Amino acid sequence: MSRLKSRALPFLAVLVTALLAACSTPGTRVVLLPQADGTPSAVAVRVKDGEEILSKPYQRATAAVGASGAPVVDQADPAKVQAEHKVLFDMQPPPPQRYTVYFDAGGTRLTPASQQVMNEALAAAQTRSGSDIVVTGHTDTKGALEQNDMLSQRRAQEVAQLFVDRQFPSKRIEAVGRGERELAVPTADEVDEPRNRRVTIEVR
């Protein structure tokens, strides 16, 4: 049987089925599914005598028990895969919902427009059964790197606390700070850019 090593793939990104039909040789079949947001993914399918990398949506690797060499790779029919495994596809969680809120310069106070975005994010989180939230703080390039790291963390924690204050379980919220490392708008150092003073909220 093949051995899989996935690379940061989400739920159902790889479909693995056993070849048990009477007309089939026993073994394993792996199909790489597309990610909901279209980002690339890949999976290595390994057997005793070889390995193949699946990197295109609906590429399929078949490894028959007792066969020598690497798995056989071909392209599966998307409609057929979805029809044959409808129950599994129906079990997929909805894609994450993403929101961005912005801050006044140098602090952790949300801009007025961001208050409404917070309400929308909270409503989305409350309507998804068992949802969790990832809150990531960011800064512009004004100030020292270490100070911005701390500021971005405070911003993330401030937003996380707003969810807790509105009765969202704290254990289902992750708050992290990225400082000025992931600028929404690339700038030189020491540039006051409001679009970089933000917190991204992922409800999943």
N, C-alpha and C. Protein backbone atom coordinates (compact mmCIF):
# COMPACT_ATOMS: atom_id res chain seq x y z
N MET A 1 0.84 -1.19 0.00
CA MET A 1 0.00 0.00 0.00
C MET A 1 0.88 1.24 0.00
N SER A 2 0.43 2.32 -0.63
CA SER A 2 1.22 3.53 -0.69
C SER A 2 1.26 4.23 0.65
N ARG A 3 2.29 5.02 0.85
CA ARG A 3 2.42 5.83 2.05
C ARG A 3 2.40 7.29 1.63
N LEU A 4 1.60 8.12 2.32
CA LEU A 4 1.39 9.50 1.90
C LEU A 4 2.15 10.47 2.78
N LYS A 5 2.63 11.54 2.18
CA LYS A 5 3.17 12.66 2.95
C LYS A 5 2.56 13.93 2.37
N SER A 6 1.61 14.50 3.08
CA SER A 6 0.95 15.69 2.57
C SER A 6 1.73 16.93 2.97
N ARG A 7 1.53 18.03 2.25
CA ARG A 7 2.25 19.27 2.50
C ARG A 7 1.25 20.38 2.74
N ALA A 8 0.87 20.56 4.02
CA ALA A 8 -0.05 21.63 4.44
C ALA A 8 -1.35 21.59 3.65
N LEU A 9 -1.94 20.43 3.54
CA LEU A 9 -3.18 20.29 2.79
C LEU A 9 -4.37 20.30 3.73
N PRO A 10 -5.48 20.96 3.33
CA PRO A 10 -6.65 21.01 4.19
C PRO A 10 -7.47 19.74 4.10
N PHE A 11 -8.57 19.71 4.87
CA PHE A 11 -9.49 18.58 4.89
C PHE A 11 -9.92 18.23 3.48
N LEU A 12 -9.87 16.98 3.13
CA LEU A 12 -10.31 16.45 1.85
C LEU A 12 -9.47 16.94 0.67
N ALA A 13 -8.29 17.50 0.93
CA ALA A 13 -7.44 17.93 -0.18
C ALA A 13 -6.85 16.73 -0.90
N VAL A 14 -6.77 15.60 -0.21
CA VAL A 14 -6.32 14.36 -0.82
C VAL A 14 -7.39 13.31 -0.61
N LEU A 15 -7.82 12.70 -1.67
CA LEU A 15 -8.81 11.63 -1.60
C LEU A 15 -8.09 10.30 -1.79
N VAL A 16 -8.19 9.42 -0.81
CA VAL A 16 -7.53 8.13 -0.85
C VAL A 16 -8.59 7.04 -0.85
N THR A 17 -8.55 6.17 -1.82
CA THR A 17 -9.53 5.09 -1.89
C THR A 17 -8.83 3.76 -2.09
N ALA A 18 -9.42 2.72 -1.56
CA ALA A 18 -8.90 1.36 -1.76
C ALA A 18 -9.53 0.76 -2.99
N LEU A 19 -8.75 0.04 -3.76
CA LEU A 19 -9.24 -0.61 -4.96
C LEU A 19 -9.70 -2.02 -4.58
N LEU A 20 -10.97 -2.12 -4.24
CA LEU A 20 -11.48 -3.39 -3.73
C LEU A 20 -12.49 -4.06 -4.66
N ALA A 21 -12.82 -3.38 -5.75
CA ALA A 21 -13.82 -3.97 -6.64
C ALA A 21 -13.29 -5.24 -7.26
N ALA A 22 -14.18 -6.13 -7.62
CA ALA A 22 -13.80 -7.45 -8.14
C ALA A 22 -12.95 -7.33 -9.40
N CYS A 23 -13.21 -6.27 -10.17
CA CYS A 23 -12.48 -6.12 -11.42
C CYS A 23 -11.16 -5.38 -11.24
N SER A 24 -10.87 -4.98 -10.02
CA SER A 24 -9.66 -4.20 -9.78
C SER A 24 -8.62 -5.01 -9.03
N THR A 25 -7.38 -4.66 -9.27
CA THR A 25 -6.30 -5.24 -8.48
C THR A 25 -6.25 -4.52 -7.15
N PRO A 26 -6.17 -5.26 -6.03
CA PRO A 26 -6.12 -4.58 -4.73
C PRO A 26 -4.96 -3.59 -4.65
N GLY A 27 -5.21 -2.47 -4.01
CA GLY A 27 -4.18 -1.46 -3.88
C GLY A 27 -4.77 -0.16 -3.35
N THR A 28 -4.11 0.93 -3.65
CA THR A 28 -4.53 2.24 -3.16
C THR A 28 -4.51 3.25 -4.30
N ARG A 29 -5.48 4.14 -4.30
CA ARG A 29 -5.54 5.21 -5.30
C ARG A 29 -5.61 6.55 -4.56
N VAL A 30 -4.83 7.50 -5.01
CA VAL A 30 -4.76 8.82 -4.40
C VAL A 30 -5.12 9.86 -5.46
N VAL A 31 -6.03 10.77 -5.12
CA VAL A 31 -6.41 11.86 -6.02
C VAL A 31 -6.16 13.18 -5.30
N LEU A 32 -5.42 14.10 -5.93
CA LEU A 32 -5.18 15.42 -5.36
C LEU A 32 -6.33 16.34 -5.74
N LEU A 33 -7.01 16.89 -4.75
CA LEU A 33 -8.13 17.78 -4.99
C LEU A 33 -7.70 19.24 -4.95
N PRO A 34 -8.40 20.12 -5.65
CA PRO A 34 -8.04 21.55 -5.62
C PRO A 34 -8.39 22.17 -4.28
N GLN A 35 -7.61 23.13 -3.85
CA GLN A 35 -7.94 23.87 -2.65
C GLN A 35 -9.01 24.91 -2.97
N ALA A 36 -9.82 25.23 -1.98
CA ALA A 36 -10.96 26.12 -2.20
C ALA A 36 -10.53 27.49 -2.67
N ASP A 37 -9.37 27.98 -2.19
CA ASP A 37 -8.93 29.31 -2.58
C ASP A 37 -8.02 29.32 -3.80
N GLY A 38 -7.83 28.15 -4.41
CA GLY A 38 -7.04 28.08 -5.62
C GLY A 38 -5.54 28.04 -5.43
N THR A 39 -5.07 28.07 -4.18
CA THR A 39 -3.63 28.03 -3.95
C THR A 39 -3.06 26.66 -4.29
N PRO A 40 -1.81 26.60 -4.74
CA PRO A 40 -1.23 25.31 -5.13
C PRO A 40 -1.04 24.38 -3.93
N SER A 41 -1.07 23.10 -4.18
CA SER A 41 -0.76 22.10 -3.17
C SER A 41 -0.12 20.91 -3.86
N ALA A 42 0.46 20.04 -3.05
CA ALA A 42 1.12 18.87 -3.62
C ALA A 42 1.14 17.76 -2.58
N VAL A 43 1.26 16.53 -3.05
CA VAL A 43 1.38 15.40 -2.15
C VAL A 43 2.33 14.38 -2.78
N ALA A 44 3.19 13.79 -1.95
CA ALA A 44 4.08 12.75 -2.40
C ALA A 44 3.44 11.40 -2.13
N VAL A 45 3.36 10.56 -3.14
CA VAL A 45 2.81 9.21 -3.01
C VAL A 45 3.99 8.24 -3.12
N ARG A 46 4.27 7.57 -2.01
CA ARG A 46 5.44 6.71 -1.96
C ARG A 46 5.04 5.25 -1.83
N VAL A 47 5.73 4.41 -2.55
CA VAL A 47 5.63 2.97 -2.38
C VAL A 47 7.05 2.44 -2.22
N LYS A 48 7.15 1.17 -2.03
CA LYS A 48 8.46 0.57 -1.74
C LYS A 48 9.49 0.87 -2.82
N ASP A 49 9.06 0.84 -4.08
CA ASP A 49 10.02 0.95 -5.18
C ASP A 49 10.03 2.30 -5.89
N GLY A 50 9.33 3.27 -5.37
CA GLY A 50 9.34 4.55 -6.08
C GLY A 50 8.40 5.57 -5.47
N GLU A 51 8.41 6.75 -6.06
CA GLU A 51 7.60 7.87 -5.56
C GLU A 51 7.15 8.72 -6.73
N GLU A 52 5.93 9.27 -6.62
CA GLU A 52 5.44 10.25 -7.58
C GLU A 52 4.87 11.44 -6.82
N ILE A 53 5.03 12.64 -7.38
CA ILE A 53 4.50 13.86 -6.79
C ILE A 53 3.27 14.29 -7.58
N LEU A 54 2.15 14.42 -6.90
CA LEU A 54 0.94 14.97 -7.52
C LEU A 54 0.90 16.46 -7.21
N SER A 55 0.83 17.30 -8.23
CA SER A 55 0.85 18.75 -8.02
C SER A 55 -0.22 19.50 -8.79
N LYS A 56 -1.03 18.78 -9.57
CA LYS A 56 -2.11 19.41 -10.32
C LYS A 56 -3.45 18.87 -9.82
N PRO A 57 -4.49 19.72 -9.76
CA PRO A 57 -5.79 19.25 -9.29
C PRO A 57 -6.28 18.05 -10.11
N TYR A 58 -6.75 17.06 -9.39
CA TYR A 58 -7.32 15.83 -9.92
C TYR A 58 -6.28 14.93 -10.60
N GLN A 59 -5.01 15.16 -10.34
CA GLN A 59 -4.03 14.14 -10.71
C GLN A 59 -4.27 12.93 -9.81
N ARG A 60 -4.03 11.76 -10.36
CA ARG A 60 -4.34 10.52 -9.64
C ARG A 60 -3.14 9.58 -9.71
N ALA A 61 -2.82 8.98 -8.56
CA ALA A 61 -1.74 7.98 -8.50
C ALA A 61 -2.35 6.66 -8.05
N THR A 62 -2.03 5.60 -8.75
CA THR A 62 -2.55 4.28 -8.43
C THR A 62 -1.39 3.34 -8.14
N ALA A 63 -1.46 2.71 -6.96
CA ALA A 63 -0.42 1.76 -6.56
C ALA A 63 -1.09 0.43 -6.27
N ALA A 64 -0.84 -0.55 -7.11
CA ALA A 64 -1.41 -1.88 -6.92
C ALA A 64 -0.53 -2.70 -5.99
N VAL A 65 -1.17 -3.49 -5.13
CA VAL A 65 -0.44 -4.35 -4.22
C VAL A 65 0.42 -5.33 -5.01
N GLY A 66 1.69 -5.41 -4.66
CA GLY A 66 2.60 -6.34 -5.31
C GLY A 66 3.25 -5.83 -6.57
N ALA A 67 2.79 -4.67 -7.07
CA ALA A 67 3.37 -4.14 -8.30
C ALA A 67 4.72 -3.51 -8.00
N SER A 68 5.63 -3.55 -8.96
CA SER A 68 6.94 -2.95 -8.80
C SER A 68 6.96 -1.58 -9.46
N GLY A 69 7.92 -0.75 -9.05
CA GLY A 69 8.04 0.57 -9.64
C GLY A 69 7.19 1.60 -8.94
N ALA A 70 7.25 2.82 -9.45
CA ALA A 70 6.52 3.93 -8.87
C ALA A 70 5.03 3.82 -9.18
N PRO A 71 4.19 4.53 -8.42
CA PRO A 71 2.75 4.52 -8.73
C PRO A 71 2.49 5.03 -10.14
N VAL A 72 1.40 4.58 -10.72
CA VAL A 72 0.99 5.03 -12.05
C VAL A 72 0.17 6.31 -11.90
N VAL A 73 0.57 7.36 -12.63
CA VAL A 73 -0.10 8.66 -12.50
C VAL A 73 -0.88 8.97 -13.77
N ASP A 74 -2.12 9.40 -13.61
CA ASP A 74 -2.92 9.88 -14.72
C ASP A 74 -3.81 11.01 -14.22
N GLN A 75 -4.70 11.50 -15.07
CA GLN A 75 -5.59 12.60 -14.72
C GLN A 75 -7.01 12.07 -14.56
N ALA A 76 -7.59 12.27 -13.39
CA ALA A 76 -8.95 11.82 -13.14
C ALA A 76 -9.97 12.81 -13.68
N ASP A 77 -11.17 12.34 -13.95
CA ASP A 77 -12.27 13.19 -14.40
C ASP A 77 -12.90 13.83 -13.17
N PRO A 78 -12.85 15.17 -13.03
CA PRO A 78 -13.39 15.82 -11.82
C PRO A 78 -14.84 15.47 -11.54
N ALA A 79 -15.68 15.50 -12.56
CA ALA A 79 -17.10 15.21 -12.37
C ALA A 79 -17.32 13.79 -11.86
N LYS A 80 -16.54 12.87 -12.38
CA LYS A 80 -16.68 11.47 -11.96
C LYS A 80 -16.22 11.29 -10.52
N VAL A 81 -15.09 11.93 -10.16
CA VAL A 81 -14.60 11.83 -8.79
C VAL A 81 -15.63 12.38 -7.81
N GLN A 82 -16.20 13.53 -8.13
CA GLN A 82 -17.18 14.14 -7.23
C GLN A 82 -18.45 13.32 -7.14
N ALA A 83 -18.86 12.72 -8.25
CA ALA A 83 -20.08 11.91 -8.24
C ALA A 83 -19.87 10.63 -7.43
N GLU A 84 -18.71 10.00 -7.58
CA GLU A 84 -18.44 8.74 -6.88
C GLU A 84 -18.24 8.93 -5.38
N HIS A 85 -17.87 10.14 -4.97
CA HIS A 85 -17.57 10.39 -3.56
C HIS A 85 -18.37 11.57 -3.04
N LYS A 86 -19.63 11.64 -3.46
CA LYS A 86 -20.48 12.79 -3.12
C LYS A 86 -20.59 12.98 -1.61
N VAL A 87 -20.70 11.89 -0.86
CA VAL A 87 -20.86 12.00 0.59
C VAL A 87 -19.66 12.70 1.21
N LEU A 88 -18.46 12.35 0.76
CA LEU A 88 -17.26 12.99 1.30
C LEU A 88 -17.21 14.47 0.94
N PHE A 89 -17.56 14.80 -0.29
CA PHE A 89 -17.54 16.21 -0.69
C PHE A 89 -18.57 17.01 0.10
N ASP A 90 -19.72 16.39 0.38
CA ASP A 90 -20.75 17.09 1.15
C ASP A 90 -20.32 17.34 2.59
N MET A 91 -19.34 16.57 3.07
CA MET A 91 -18.86 16.72 4.45
C MET A 91 -17.84 17.85 4.61
N GLN A 92 -17.37 18.40 3.49
CA GLN A 92 -16.38 19.47 3.60
C GLN A 92 -16.92 20.66 4.37
N PRO A 93 -16.12 21.25 5.26
CA PRO A 93 -16.56 22.47 5.93
C PRO A 93 -16.58 23.62 4.94
N PRO A 94 -17.37 24.66 5.20
CA PRO A 94 -17.35 25.82 4.30
C PRO A 94 -15.98 26.48 4.32
N PRO A 95 -15.61 27.18 3.26
CA PRO A 95 -14.30 27.83 3.22
C PRO A 95 -14.20 28.91 4.30
N PRO A 96 -12.98 29.20 4.75
CA PRO A 96 -12.81 30.25 5.77
C PRO A 96 -13.32 31.59 5.26
N GLN A 97 -13.81 32.40 6.18
CA GLN A 97 -14.22 33.76 5.87
C GLN A 97 -13.18 34.70 6.46
N ARG A 98 -12.76 35.70 5.69
CA ARG A 98 -11.67 36.58 6.10
C ARG A 98 -12.14 38.03 6.17
N TYR A 99 -11.67 38.70 7.20
CA TYR A 99 -12.02 40.10 7.44
C TYR A 99 -10.75 40.85 7.83
N THR A 100 -10.75 42.16 7.58
CA THR A 100 -9.61 42.99 7.97
C THR A 100 -10.12 44.24 8.68
N VAL A 101 -9.53 44.54 9.84
CA VAL A 101 -9.86 45.77 10.57
C VAL A 101 -8.59 46.60 10.67
N TYR A 102 -8.79 47.91 10.80
CA TYR A 102 -7.66 48.84 10.77
C TYR A 102 -7.60 49.67 12.05
N PHE A 103 -6.41 50.25 12.30
CA PHE A 103 -6.14 50.94 13.56
C PHE A 103 -5.65 52.35 13.32
N ASP A 104 -5.90 53.19 14.32
CA ASP A 104 -5.28 54.52 14.32
C ASP A 104 -3.78 54.36 14.52
N ALA A 105 -3.03 55.36 14.10
CA ALA A 105 -1.56 55.27 14.16
C ALA A 105 -1.06 55.08 15.58
N GLY A 106 -0.11 54.14 15.73
CA GLY A 106 0.63 53.97 16.97
C GLY A 106 -0.11 53.33 18.12
N GLY A 107 -1.33 52.88 17.92
CA GLY A 107 -2.08 52.35 19.05
C GLY A 107 -2.92 51.14 18.69
N THR A 108 -3.86 50.82 19.59
CA THR A 108 -4.71 49.64 19.42
C THR A 108 -6.19 50.03 19.30
N ARG A 109 -6.47 51.27 18.93
CA ARG A 109 -7.85 51.71 18.77
C ARG A 109 -8.29 51.51 17.33
N LEU A 110 -9.38 50.77 17.15
CA LEU A 110 -9.90 50.52 15.81
C LEU A 110 -10.45 51.80 15.20
N THR A 111 -10.32 51.90 13.87
CA THR A 111 -10.98 53.00 13.17
C THR A 111 -12.50 52.78 13.24
N PRO A 112 -13.30 53.84 13.14
CA PRO A 112 -14.76 53.69 13.23
C PRO A 112 -15.34 52.68 12.22
N ALA A 113 -14.84 52.70 10.99
CA ALA A 113 -15.37 51.78 9.98
C ALA A 113 -15.11 50.33 10.35
N SER A 114 -14.05 50.07 11.08
CA SER A 114 -13.70 48.70 11.44
C SER A 114 -14.63 48.11 12.49
N GLN A 115 -15.34 48.95 13.22
CA GLN A 115 -16.29 48.44 14.21
C GLN A 115 -17.38 47.61 13.51
N GLN A 116 -17.84 48.07 12.37
CA GLN A 116 -18.86 47.33 11.63
C GLN A 116 -18.31 46.01 11.11
N VAL A 117 -17.04 46.02 10.66
CA VAL A 117 -16.42 44.78 10.19
C VAL A 117 -16.34 43.77 11.33
N MET A 118 -16.03 44.24 12.53
CA MET A 118 -16.00 43.35 13.70
C MET A 118 -17.35 42.69 13.92
N ASN A 119 -18.42 43.46 13.77
CA ASN A 119 -19.76 42.90 13.94
C ASN A 119 -20.03 41.80 12.91
N GLU A 120 -19.60 42.03 11.68
CA GLU A 120 -19.79 41.04 10.62
C GLU A 120 -18.99 39.78 10.91
N ALA A 121 -17.75 39.93 11.37
CA ALA A 121 -16.91 38.77 11.68
C ALA A 121 -17.50 37.97 12.83
N LEU A 122 -17.99 38.65 13.85
CA LEU A 122 -18.59 37.95 14.98
C LEU A 122 -19.84 37.19 14.55
N ALA A 123 -20.67 37.82 13.74
CA ALA A 123 -21.88 37.15 13.26
C ALA A 123 -21.53 35.90 12.46
N ALA A 124 -20.48 35.99 11.63
CA ALA A 124 -20.05 34.82 10.85
C ALA A 124 -19.56 33.71 11.76
N ALA A 125 -18.79 34.07 12.80
CA ALA A 125 -18.27 33.06 13.72
C ALA A 125 -19.39 32.37 14.48
N GLN A 126 -20.40 33.12 14.85
CA GLN A 126 -21.50 32.55 15.64
C GLN A 126 -22.42 31.65 14.83
N THR A 127 -22.43 31.83 13.52
CA THR A 127 -23.31 31.01 12.69
C THR A 127 -22.63 29.73 12.20
N ARG A 128 -21.33 29.61 12.39
CA ARG A 128 -20.61 28.40 11.97
C ARG A 128 -20.43 27.49 13.17
N SER A 129 -20.97 26.32 13.08
CA SER A 129 -20.91 25.37 14.18
C SER A 129 -19.46 24.97 14.46
N GLY A 130 -19.04 25.15 15.73
CA GLY A 130 -17.69 24.74 16.12
C GLY A 130 -16.59 25.56 15.51
N SER A 131 -16.88 26.77 15.05
CA SER A 131 -15.88 27.58 14.37
C SER A 131 -14.77 28.02 15.33
N ASP A 132 -13.61 28.32 14.76
CA ASP A 132 -12.56 28.97 15.52
C ASP A 132 -12.08 30.18 14.74
N ILE A 133 -11.30 31.02 15.39
CA ILE A 133 -10.87 32.29 14.82
C ILE A 133 -9.37 32.43 14.96
N VAL A 134 -8.70 32.84 13.89
CA VAL A 134 -7.28 33.18 13.93
C VAL A 134 -7.17 34.68 13.68
N VAL A 135 -6.58 35.38 14.64
CA VAL A 135 -6.44 36.83 14.59
C VAL A 135 -4.96 37.16 14.45
N THR A 136 -4.59 37.88 13.39
CA THR A 136 -3.18 38.17 13.13
C THR A 136 -2.98 39.68 13.04
N GLY A 137 -2.12 40.20 13.94
CA GLY A 137 -1.86 41.64 13.98
C GLY A 137 -0.70 42.04 13.10
N HIS A 138 -0.80 43.25 12.53
CA HIS A 138 0.24 43.79 11.64
C HIS A 138 0.45 45.28 11.95
N THR A 139 1.59 45.80 11.53
CA THR A 139 1.88 47.23 11.68
C THR A 139 2.41 47.80 10.37
N ASP A 140 2.55 49.14 10.33
CA ASP A 140 3.31 49.75 9.24
C ASP A 140 4.79 49.74 9.63
N THR A 141 5.61 50.44 8.89
CA THR A 141 7.06 50.36 9.12
C THR A 141 7.59 51.48 10.01
N LYS A 142 6.69 52.29 10.58
CA LYS A 142 7.12 53.32 11.52
C LYS A 142 7.57 52.66 12.82
N GLY A 143 8.75 53.05 13.33
CA GLY A 143 9.21 52.51 14.59
C GLY A 143 10.15 51.32 14.42
N ALA A 144 10.70 50.88 15.54
CA ALA A 144 11.65 49.77 15.53
C ALA A 144 10.94 48.45 15.33
N LEU A 145 11.65 47.50 14.77
CA LEU A 145 11.09 46.18 14.48
C LEU A 145 10.54 45.52 15.73
N GLU A 146 11.31 45.57 16.82
CA GLU A 146 10.88 44.92 18.07
C GLU A 146 9.62 45.58 18.63
N GLN A 147 9.55 46.90 18.54
CA GLN A 147 8.36 47.60 19.02
C GLN A 147 7.14 47.24 18.18
N ASN A 148 7.33 47.12 16.90
CA ASN A 148 6.21 46.76 16.02
C ASN A 148 5.75 45.32 16.26
N ASP A 149 6.68 44.45 16.59
CA ASP A 149 6.29 43.09 16.95
C ASP A 149 5.34 43.10 18.15
N MET A 150 5.71 43.87 19.16
CA MET A 150 4.88 43.94 20.36
C MET A 150 3.54 44.63 20.07
N LEU A 151 3.58 45.69 19.25
CA LEU A 151 2.35 46.41 18.92
C LEU A 151 1.39 45.52 18.14
N SER A 152 1.92 44.76 17.19
CA SER A 152 1.04 43.89 16.41
C SER A 152 0.41 42.82 17.29
N GLN A 153 1.16 42.31 18.26
CA GLN A 153 0.60 41.32 19.19
C GLN A 153 -0.50 41.95 20.04
N ARG A 154 -0.28 43.17 20.51
CA ARG A 154 -1.31 43.85 21.30
C ARG A 154 -2.57 44.08 20.48
N ARG A 155 -2.39 44.44 19.22
CA ARG A 155 -3.55 44.65 18.36
C ARG A 155 -4.33 43.34 18.18
N ALA A 156 -3.61 42.27 17.96
CA ALA A 156 -4.29 40.97 17.81
C ALA A 156 -5.03 40.60 19.09
N GLN A 157 -4.39 40.80 20.22
CA GLN A 157 -5.03 40.47 21.50
C GLN A 157 -6.23 41.36 21.77
N GLU A 158 -6.15 42.62 21.37
CA GLU A 158 -7.27 43.54 21.54
C GLU A 158 -8.49 43.06 20.75
N VAL A 159 -8.26 42.65 19.51
CA VAL A 159 -9.36 42.16 18.69
C VAL A 159 -9.90 40.84 19.25
N ALA A 160 -8.99 39.95 19.67
CA ALA A 160 -9.43 38.69 20.27
C ALA A 160 -10.31 38.95 21.49
N GLN A 161 -9.92 39.93 22.30
CA GLN A 161 -10.69 40.24 23.50
C GLN A 161 -12.08 40.77 23.14
N LEU A 162 -12.20 41.48 22.03
CA LEU A 162 -13.51 41.96 21.59
C LEU A 162 -14.45 40.79 21.31
N PHE A 163 -13.90 39.72 20.74
CA PHE A 163 -14.72 38.53 20.50
C PHE A 163 -15.11 37.88 21.83
N VAL A 164 -14.15 37.81 22.75
CA VAL A 164 -14.45 37.22 24.06
C VAL A 164 -15.51 38.04 24.78
N ASP A 165 -15.40 39.37 24.71
CA ASP A 165 -16.38 40.23 25.36
C ASP A 165 -17.79 40.02 24.82
N ARG A 166 -17.86 39.51 23.60
CA ARG A 166 -19.16 39.25 22.97
C ARG A 166 -19.54 37.77 23.05
N GLN A 167 -18.94 37.11 24.02
CA GLN A 167 -19.31 35.74 24.39
C GLN A 167 -18.81 34.66 23.44
N PHE A 168 -17.79 34.97 22.63
CA PHE A 168 -17.18 33.91 21.82
C PHE A 168 -16.13 33.22 22.69
N PRO A 169 -16.09 31.87 22.71
CA PRO A 169 -15.16 31.16 23.61
C PRO A 169 -13.69 31.50 23.34
N SER A 170 -12.99 31.91 24.38
CA SER A 170 -11.59 32.30 24.23
C SER A 170 -10.70 31.15 23.78
N LYS A 171 -11.04 29.91 24.16
CA LYS A 171 -10.21 28.77 23.79
C LYS A 171 -10.26 28.47 22.30
N ARG A 172 -11.20 29.10 21.58
CA ARG A 172 -11.29 28.89 20.13
C ARG A 172 -10.77 30.09 19.35
N ILE A 173 -9.95 30.91 20.02
CA ILE A 173 -9.35 32.08 19.36
C ILE A 173 -7.84 32.00 19.50
N GLU A 174 -7.14 32.17 18.39
CA GLU A 174 -5.67 32.25 18.39
C GLU A 174 -5.28 33.65 17.95
N ALA A 175 -4.44 34.32 18.74
CA ALA A 175 -4.00 35.67 18.43
C ALA A 175 -2.48 35.69 18.27
N VAL A 176 -2.00 36.18 17.12
CA VAL A 176 -0.57 36.24 16.85
C VAL A 176 -0.22 37.60 16.25
N GLY A 177 1.03 38.02 16.43
CA GLY A 177 1.51 39.27 15.87
C GLY A 177 2.61 39.03 14.85
N ARG A 178 2.53 39.75 13.74
CA ARG A 178 3.55 39.60 12.69
C ARG A 178 4.34 40.89 12.46
N GLY A 179 4.08 41.91 13.28
CA GLY A 179 4.85 43.14 13.14
C GLY A 179 4.72 43.74 11.75
N GLU A 180 5.87 44.14 11.20
CA GLU A 180 5.88 44.76 9.87
C GLU A 180 6.35 43.78 8.79
N ARG A 181 6.31 42.49 9.09
CA ARG A 181 6.88 41.49 8.18
C ARG A 181 6.00 41.17 6.98
N GLU A 182 4.71 41.39 7.07
CA GLU A 182 3.80 41.01 5.99
C GLU A 182 2.96 42.23 5.61
N LEU A 183 3.58 43.17 4.97
CA LEU A 183 2.92 44.42 4.62
C LEU A 183 1.86 44.19 3.55
N ALA A 184 0.69 44.77 3.75
CA ALA A 184 -0.34 44.73 2.71
C ALA A 184 0.06 45.64 1.56
N VAL A 185 0.72 46.74 1.88
CA VAL A 185 1.21 47.70 0.88
C VAL A 185 2.72 47.85 1.09
N PRO A 186 3.55 47.32 0.22
CA PRO A 186 5.00 47.42 0.41
C PRO A 186 5.45 48.88 0.47
N THR A 187 6.24 49.20 1.48
CA THR A 187 6.78 50.55 1.63
C THR A 187 8.22 50.48 2.10
N ALA A 188 8.89 51.61 2.06
CA ALA A 188 10.22 51.72 2.66
C ALA A 188 10.07 51.77 4.18
N ASP A 189 11.20 51.75 4.88
CA ASP A 189 11.18 51.84 6.33
C ASP A 189 10.70 53.23 6.76
N GLU A 190 10.06 53.27 7.93
CA GLU A 190 9.59 54.51 8.55
C GLU A 190 8.52 55.22 7.71
N VAL A 191 7.65 54.44 7.09
CA VAL A 191 6.55 55.01 6.31
C VAL A 191 5.24 54.78 7.05
N ASP A 192 4.47 55.84 7.24
CA ASP A 192 3.16 55.79 7.89
C ASP A 192 2.13 55.39 6.83
N GLU A 193 1.73 54.12 6.84
CA GLU A 193 0.77 53.61 5.85
C GLU A 193 -0.42 52.99 6.56
N PRO A 194 -1.58 53.65 6.56
CA PRO A 194 -2.75 53.16 7.30
C PRO A 194 -3.19 51.75 6.91
N ARG A 195 -3.01 51.39 5.65
CA ARG A 195 -3.47 50.06 5.21
C ARG A 195 -2.63 48.93 5.77
N ASN A 196 -1.45 49.26 6.29
CA ASN A 196 -0.61 48.24 6.93
C ASN A 196 -0.90 48.09 8.42
N ARG A 197 -1.56 49.06 9.02
CA ARG A 197 -1.92 48.99 10.44
C ARG A 197 -3.24 48.23 10.54
N ARG A 198 -3.14 46.91 10.62
CA ARG A 198 -4.36 46.12 10.48
C ARG A 198 -4.29 44.85 11.30
N VAL A 199 -5.45 44.24 11.46
CA VAL A 199 -5.56 42.88 11.99
C VAL A 199 -6.42 42.11 11.01
N THR A 200 -5.93 40.96 10.60
CA THR A 200 -6.73 40.07 9.75
C THR A 200 -7.42 39.04 10.64
N ILE A 201 -8.65 38.75 10.32
CA ILE A 201 -9.47 37.82 11.09
C ILE A 201 -9.91 36.70 10.15
N GLU A 202 -9.56 35.49 10.50
CA GLU A 202 -9.98 34.34 9.70
C GLU A 202 -10.94 33.50 10.54
N VAL A 203 -12.15 33.38 10.06
CA VAL A 203 -13.17 32.57 10.72
C VAL A 203 -13.26 31.27 9.96
N ARG A 204 -12.99 30.17 10.65
CA ARG A 204 -12.94 28.89 9.93
C ARG A 204 -13.63 27.78 10.72
